[in-house]
Amino acid sequence: MKEKIRQLLEEALPLVDFDSDFLFSELDSLGVTTILMLLSDEFGIHLDATDATPRNLRSLDSIVAMVEQKLQS
């Protein structure tokens, strides 16, 4: 799951370091929107502005956790 998400996001946002521990600080509003849209489309989950928190987008691991949580609910 993690590698699938990494590949998807790196293709769309090649200038972002997805290994960063401070991923959220590297993202602008377009980057955040892109991530939410790609994950929504790829996994068939509903993500909106309330999911765009520093906690959910802190790192690639936190993004994976958010997707897994959405898939379970």
C-alpha atoms as a PDB file:
ATOM      1  CA  MET A   1       0.000   0.000   0.000  1.00  0.00           C
ATOM      2  CA  LYS A   2       2.738   2.438   0.986  1.00  0.00           C
ATOM      3  CA  GLU A   3       4.716   1.913  -2.217  1.00  0.00           C
ATOM      4  CA  LYS A   4       1.584   2.220  -4.357  1.00  0.00           C
ATOM      5  CA  ILE A   5       0.745   5.553  -2.710  1.00  0.00           C
ATOM      6  CA  ARG A   6       4.364   6.736  -2.972  1.00  0.00           C
ATOM      7  CA  GLN A   7       4.498   5.966  -6.694  1.00  0.00           C
ATOM      8  CA  LEU A   8       1.146   7.638  -7.354  1.00  0.00           C
ATOM      9  CA  LEU A   9       2.104  10.815  -5.496  1.00  0.00           C
ATOM     10  CA  GLU A  10       5.677  11.022  -6.786  1.00  0.00           C
ATOM     11  CA  GLU A  11       4.429  10.883 -10.374  1.00  0.00           C
ATOM     12  CA  ALA A  12       2.036  13.777  -9.748  1.00  0.00           C
ATOM     13  CA  LEU A  13       4.325  15.835  -7.473  1.00  0.00           C
ATOM     14  CA  PRO A  14       7.924  15.059  -8.493  1.00  0.00           C
ATOM     15  CA  LEU A  15       9.438  18.007  -6.591  1.00  0.00           C
ATOM     16  CA  VAL A  16       8.054  16.951  -3.206  1.00  0.00           C
ATOM     17  CA  ASP A  17      10.257  14.880  -0.868  1.00  0.00           C
ATOM     18  CA  PHE A  18       7.896  12.169   0.356  1.00  0.00           C
ATOM     19  CA  ASP A  19      10.580  10.898   2.757  1.00  0.00           C
ATOM     20  CA  SER A  20      10.462  14.169   4.686  1.00  0.00           C
ATOM     21  CA  ASP A  21       9.352  14.119   8.316  1.00  0.00           C
ATOM     22  CA  PHE A  22       7.782  17.519   7.655  1.00  0.00           C
ATOM     23  CA  LEU A  23       5.939  16.723   4.453  1.00  0.00           C
ATOM     24  CA  PHE A  24       3.024  19.054   5.199  1.00  0.00           C
ATOM     25  CA  SER A  25       5.355  22.069   5.317  1.00  0.00           C
ATOM     26  CA  GLU A  26       6.564  21.277   1.778  1.00  0.00           C
ATOM     27  CA  LEU A  27       3.051  21.320   0.316  1.00  0.00           C
ATOM     28  CA  ASP A  28       1.173  24.297  -1.035  1.00  0.00           C
ATOM     29  CA  SER A  29      -2.596  24.323  -1.429  1.00  0.00           C
ATOM     30  CA  LEU A  30      -2.370  22.848  -4.927  1.00  0.00           C
ATOM     31  CA  GLY A  31      -0.178  20.009  -3.647  1.00  0.00           C
ATOM     32  CA  VAL A  32      -2.616  19.223  -0.838  1.00  0.00           C
ATOM     33  CA  THR A  33      -5.562  19.290  -3.247  1.00  0.00           C
ATOM     34  CA  THR A  34      -3.689  17.060  -5.701  1.00  0.00           C
ATOM     35  CA  ILE A  35      -2.959  14.484  -3.001  1.00  0.00           C
ATOM     36  CA  LEU A  36      -6.555  14.394  -1.800  1.00  0.00           C
ATOM     37  CA  MET A  37      -7.950  14.086  -5.335  1.00  0.00           C
ATOM     38  CA  LEU A  38      -5.504  11.366  -6.407  1.00  0.00           C
ATOM     39  CA  LEU A  39      -6.132   9.264  -3.309  1.00  0.00           C
ATOM     40  CA  SER A  40      -9.899   9.705  -3.588  1.00  0.00           C
ATOM     41  CA  ASP A  41      -9.877   8.576  -7.213  1.00  0.00           C
ATOM     42  CA  GLU A  42      -7.388   5.726  -6.773  1.00  0.00           C
ATOM     43  CA  PHE A  43      -8.968   4.152  -3.705  1.00  0.00           C
ATOM     44  CA  GLY A  44     -12.616   5.170  -4.125  1.00  0.00           C
ATOM     45  CA  ILE A  45     -12.703   6.981  -0.796  1.00  0.00           C
ATOM     46  CA  HIS A  46     -14.141  10.346   0.168  1.00  0.00           C
ATOM     47  CA  LEU A  47     -11.519  12.913   1.161  1.00  0.00           C
ATOM     48  CA  ASP A  48     -12.267  16.596   1.590  1.00  0.00           C
ATOM     49  CA  ALA A  49     -10.797  19.729   3.151  1.00  0.00           C
ATOM     50  CA  THR A  50     -11.353  18.420   6.680  1.00  0.00           C
ATOM     51  CA  ASP A  51      -8.852  15.639   5.919  1.00  0.00           C
ATOM     52  CA  ALA A  52      -6.146  18.115   4.868  1.00  0.00           C
ATOM     53  CA  THR A  53      -4.620  18.465   8.322  1.00  0.00           C
ATOM     54  CA  PRO A  54      -0.945  18.648   9.282  1.00  0.00           C
ATOM     55  CA  ARG A  55      -1.465  15.422  11.240  1.00  0.00           C
ATOM     56  CA  ASN A  56      -2.827  13.503   8.219  1.00  0.00           C
ATOM     57  CA  LEU A  57      -0.233  14.914   5.812  1.00  0.00           C
ATOM     58  CA  ARG A  58       2.771  14.939   8.163  1.00  0.00           C
ATOM     59  CA  SER A  59       4.536  12.084   6.364  1.00  0.00           C
ATOM     60  CA  LEU A  60       3.966   9.335   3.841  1.00  0.00           C
ATOM     61  CA  ASP A  61       3.176   6.984   6.754  1.00  0.00           C
ATOM     62  CA  SER A  62       0.455   9.303   8.051  1.00  0.00           C
ATOM     63  CA  ILE A  63      -1.038   9.552   4.539  1.00  0.00           C
ATOM     64  CA  VAL A  64      -1.098   5.741   4.322  1.00  0.00           C
ATOM     65  CA  ALA A  65      -2.761   5.568   7.759  1.00  0.00           C
ATOM     66  CA  MET A  66      -5.413   8.071   6.656  1.00  0.00           C
ATOM     67  CA  VAL A  67      -6.194   6.036   3.511  1.00  0.00           C
ATOM     68  CA  GLU A  68      -6.355   2.784   5.474  1.00  0.00           C
ATOM     69  CA  GLN A  69      -8.692   4.356   8.022  1.00  0.00           C
ATOM     70  CA  LYS A  70     -10.987   5.671   5.263  1.00  0.00           C
ATOM     71  CA  LEU A  71     -11.037   2.253   3.591  1.00  0.00           C
ATOM     72  CA  GLN A  72     -12.165   0.618   6.839  1.00  0.00           C
ATOM     73  CA  SER A  73     -15.019   3.047   7.466  1.00  0.00           C
END
